[in-house]
Amino acid sequence: MSDSFAGFDARRRRIETKHGKLANGYDLHMQKDGLIVARPRRTRGLGVTPRVLILVVAALLGFKGFLIAALGPMAYSDRVERLGAGSAFEKAGAWVMQADPVSREIGAALAPYLK
C-alpha cells in the first residue's frame, strides 16, 4: 500500500511542479506523433522593467532626501565625504549618495516635519 502511495505522491508532485511552471506562461508544441504538448515559457533576464528602475531611483532619492532632512545638509555632506575616503566600495557608495538637486529639494520639504 505504501509503495503505491509513494508512486502516486511522486506523480502528484511532478504534476504540481509542471502546473506551477505553466502558470507563468506556456507555448504549445506539436510532437512528431501529432500530440500537442504545453511547455513552459523560458524566463528572460532579471525582469528589470522601466517601472522597477523608476521605483528604485525614486526610493533612493527619497531616502537621500530623508537623510538630508534628518541630519542637516552640512552633516550629510560631511558623512558622504568621509565615506568617499574609504575603500573602492565605499567610494562607489559615496558617489551614489552625493546630494543632488532633487534630493536637496526633498530634504528641504521634509525638514519641517522632522523637527
C-alpha atoms as a PDB file:
ATOM      1  CA  MET A   1       0.000   0.000   0.000  1.00  0.00           C
ATOM      2  CA  SER A   2       2.796   2.434   0.855  1.00  0.00           C
ATOM      3  CA  ASP A   3       4.623   1.716  -2.454  1.00  0.00           C
ATOM      4  CA  SER A   4       1.577   2.697  -4.486  1.00  0.00           C
ATOM      5  CA  PHE A   5       1.068   5.814  -2.355  1.00  0.00           C
ATOM      6  CA  ALA A   6       4.726   6.815  -2.821  1.00  0.00           C
ATOM      7  CA  GLY A   7       4.348   6.471  -6.596  1.00  0.00           C
ATOM      8  CA  PHE A   8       1.111   8.456  -6.518  1.00  0.00           C
ATOM      9  CA  ASP A   9       2.667  11.175  -4.362  1.00  0.00           C
ATOM     10  CA  ALA A  10       5.706  11.480  -6.661  1.00  0.00           C
ATOM     11  CA  ARG A  11       3.429  11.816  -9.712  1.00  0.00           C
ATOM     12  CA  ARG A  12       1.289  14.417  -7.906  1.00  0.00           C
ATOM     13  CA  ARG A  13       4.392  16.476  -7.067  1.00  0.00           C
ATOM     14  CA  ARG A  14       5.587  16.345 -10.704  1.00  0.00           C
ATOM     15  CA  ILE A  15       2.177  17.491 -11.927  1.00  0.00           C
ATOM     16  CA  GLU A  16       2.033  20.345  -9.401  1.00  0.00           C
ATOM     17  CA  THR A  17       5.549  21.460 -10.358  1.00  0.00           C
ATOM     18  CA  LYS A  18       4.682  21.456 -14.057  1.00  0.00           C
ATOM     19  CA  HIS A  19       1.421  23.288 -13.377  1.00  0.00           C
ATOM     20  CA  GLY A  20       3.304  25.976 -11.438  1.00  0.00           C
ATOM     21  CA  LYS A  21       5.730  26.452 -14.336  1.00  0.00           C
ATOM     22  CA  LEU A  22       2.874  26.590 -16.867  1.00  0.00           C
ATOM     23  CA  ALA A  23       1.080  29.235 -14.784  1.00  0.00           C
ATOM     24  CA  ASN A  24       3.784  31.745 -15.798  1.00  0.00           C
ATOM     25  CA  GLY A  25       3.050  31.251 -19.494  1.00  0.00           C
ATOM     26  CA  TYR A  26       3.403  28.422 -21.949  1.00  0.00           C
ATOM     27  CA  ASP A  27       3.913  27.616 -25.629  1.00  0.00           C
ATOM     28  CA  LEU A  28       2.153  24.817 -27.470  1.00  0.00           C
ATOM     29  CA  HIS A  29       4.304  22.418 -29.496  1.00  0.00           C
ATOM     30  CA  MET A  30       3.257  19.538 -31.688  1.00  0.00           C
ATOM     31  CA  GLN A  31       5.190  16.320 -31.267  1.00  0.00           C
ATOM     32  CA  LYS A  32       6.026  14.000 -34.186  1.00  0.00           C
ATOM     33  CA  ASP A  33       3.010  11.827 -33.434  1.00  0.00           C
ATOM     34  CA  GLY A  34       0.619  14.816 -33.602  1.00  0.00           C
ATOM     35  CA  LEU A  35       0.142  15.239 -29.871  1.00  0.00           C
ATOM     36  CA  ILE A  36       0.048  18.899 -28.800  1.00  0.00           C
ATOM     37  CA  VAL A  37       2.069  19.493 -25.626  1.00  0.00           C
ATOM     38  CA  ALA A  38       2.257  22.649 -23.485  1.00  0.00           C
ATOM     39  CA  ARG A  39       5.788  23.656 -22.484  1.00  0.00           C
ATOM     40  CA  PRO A  40       6.591  26.451 -20.015  1.00  0.00           C
ATOM     41  CA  ARG A  41       7.980  29.660 -21.474  1.00  0.00           C
ATOM     42  CA  ARG A  42      11.523  30.493 -20.593  1.00  0.00           C
ATOM     43  CA  THR A  43      12.041  33.417 -18.300  1.00  0.00           C
ATOM     44  CA  ARG A  44      14.206  36.131 -19.749  1.00  0.00           C
ATOM     45  CA  GLY A  45      16.689  38.263 -17.883  1.00  0.00           C
ATOM     46  CA  LEU A  46      16.252  39.601 -14.406  1.00  0.00           C
ATOM     47  CA  GLY A  47      12.883  41.166 -15.050  1.00  0.00           C
ATOM     48  CA  VAL A  48      14.143  44.713 -14.588  1.00  0.00           C
ATOM     49  CA  THR A  49      11.446  46.750 -16.257  1.00  0.00           C
ATOM     50  CA  PRO A  50      11.472  50.519 -16.640  1.00  0.00           C
ATOM     51  CA  ARG A  51       8.828  50.717 -13.906  1.00  0.00           C
ATOM     52  CA  VAL A  52      11.064  48.865 -11.436  1.00  0.00           C
ATOM     53  CA  LEU A  53      14.007  51.066 -12.374  1.00  0.00           C
ATOM     54  CA  ILE A  54      11.958  54.239 -11.820  1.00  0.00           C
ATOM     55  CA  LEU A  55      10.754  52.971  -8.435  1.00  0.00           C
ATOM     56  CA  VAL A  56      14.317  52.187  -7.318  1.00  0.00           C
ATOM     57  CA  VAL A  57      15.557  55.638  -8.360  1.00  0.00           C
ATOM     58  CA  ALA A  58      12.584  57.325  -6.632  1.00  0.00           C
ATOM     59  CA  ALA A  59      13.206  55.326  -3.448  1.00  0.00           C
ATOM     60  CA  LEU A  60      16.900  56.255  -3.495  1.00  0.00           C
ATOM     61  CA  LEU A  61      16.109  59.944  -3.964  1.00  0.00           C
ATOM     62  CA  GLY A  62      13.532  59.789  -1.175  1.00  0.00           C
ATOM     63  CA  PHE A  63      15.998  58.073   1.147  1.00  0.00           C
ATOM     64  CA  LYS A  64      18.703  60.633   0.423  1.00  0.00           C
ATOM     65  CA  GLY A  65      16.202  63.447   0.945  1.00  0.00           C
ATOM     66  CA  PHE A  66      15.154  61.954   4.273  1.00  0.00           C
ATOM     67  CA  LEU A  67      18.782  61.700   5.406  1.00  0.00           C
ATOM     68  CA  ILE A  68      19.474  65.282   4.374  1.00  0.00           C
ATOM     69  CA  ALA A  69      16.422  66.444   6.319  1.00  0.00           C
ATOM     70  CA  ALA A  70      17.245  64.344   9.388  1.00  0.00           C
ATOM     71  CA  LEU A  71      20.980  65.110   9.591  1.00  0.00           C
ATOM     72  CA  GLY A  72      21.101  68.546   8.047  1.00  0.00           C
ATOM     73  CA  PRO A  73      22.858  69.431   4.786  1.00  0.00           C
ATOM     74  CA  MET A  74      26.263  70.102   6.334  1.00  0.00           C
ATOM     75  CA  ALA A  75      26.395  66.920   8.426  1.00  0.00           C
ATOM     76  CA  TYR A  76      25.160  64.896   5.441  1.00  0.00           C
ATOM     77  CA  SER A  77      27.874  66.238   3.117  1.00  0.00           C
ATOM     78  CA  ASP A  78      30.488  65.634   5.845  1.00  0.00           C
ATOM     79  CA  ARG A  79      29.423  61.999   6.173  1.00  0.00           C
ATOM     80  CA  VAL A  80      29.459  61.488   2.402  1.00  0.00           C
ATOM     81  CA  GLU A  81      32.991  62.952   2.266  1.00  0.00           C
ATOM     82  CA  ARG A  82      34.150  60.559   4.997  1.00  0.00           C
ATOM     83  CA  LEU A  83      32.550  57.687   3.106  1.00  0.00           C
ATOM     84  CA  GLY A  84      34.435  58.742  -0.038  1.00  0.00           C
ATOM     85  CA  ALA A  85      37.750  58.389   1.778  1.00  0.00           C
ATOM     86  CA  GLY A  86      37.257  54.648   2.305  1.00  0.00           C
ATOM     87  CA  SER A  87      37.642  51.579   0.119  1.00  0.00           C
ATOM     88  CA  ALA A  88      36.551  51.312  -3.513  1.00  0.00           C
ATOM     89  CA  PHE A  89      33.138  50.004  -2.430  1.00  0.00           C
ATOM     90  CA  GLU A  90      32.705  52.922  -0.031  1.00  0.00           C
ATOM     91  CA  LYS A  91      33.773  55.373  -2.756  1.00  0.00           C
ATOM     92  CA  ALA A  92      31.079  53.948  -5.021  1.00  0.00           C
ATOM     93  CA  GLY A  93      28.558  54.375  -2.208  1.00  0.00           C
ATOM     94  CA  ALA A  94      29.682  57.971  -1.704  1.00  0.00           C
ATOM     95  CA  TRP A  95      29.223  58.653  -5.417  1.00  0.00           C
ATOM     96  CA  VAL A  96      25.668  57.284  -5.278  1.00  0.00           C
ATOM     97  CA  MET A  97      24.851  59.151  -2.066  1.00  0.00           C
ATOM     98  CA  GLN A  98      26.063  62.563  -3.285  1.00  0.00           C
ATOM     99  CA  ALA A  99      23.500  65.272  -2.639  1.00  0.00           C
ATOM    100  CA  ASP A 100      21.831  66.208  -5.912  1.00  0.00           C
ATOM    101  CA  PRO A 101      19.296  68.989  -6.526  1.00  0.00           C
ATOM    102  CA  VAL A 102      16.294  66.657  -6.337  1.00  0.00           C
ATOM    103  CA  SER A 103      17.322  65.071  -3.043  1.00  0.00           C
ATOM    104  CA  ARG A 104      18.133  68.533  -1.618  1.00  0.00           C
ATOM    105  CA  GLU A 105      14.623  69.723  -2.518  1.00  0.00           C
ATOM    106  CA  ILE A 106      13.102  66.603  -0.957  1.00  0.00           C
ATOM    107  CA  GLY A 107      15.199  67.189   2.151  1.00  0.00           C
ATOM    108  CA  ALA A 108      14.103  70.828   2.336  1.00  0.00           C
ATOM    109  CA  ALA A 109      10.464  69.769   2.017  1.00  0.00           C
ATOM    110  CA  LEU A 110      10.782  67.106   4.729  1.00  0.00           C
ATOM    111  CA  ALA A 111      12.850  69.142   7.202  1.00  0.00           C
ATOM    112  CA  PRO A 112       9.920  70.972   8.856  1.00  0.00           C
ATOM    113  CA  TYR A 113       8.196  67.673   9.600  1.00  0.00           C
ATOM    114  CA  LEU A 114      11.248  66.105  11.271  1.00  0.00           C
ATOM    115  CA  LYS A 115      11.963  68.891  13.759  1.00  0.00           C
END
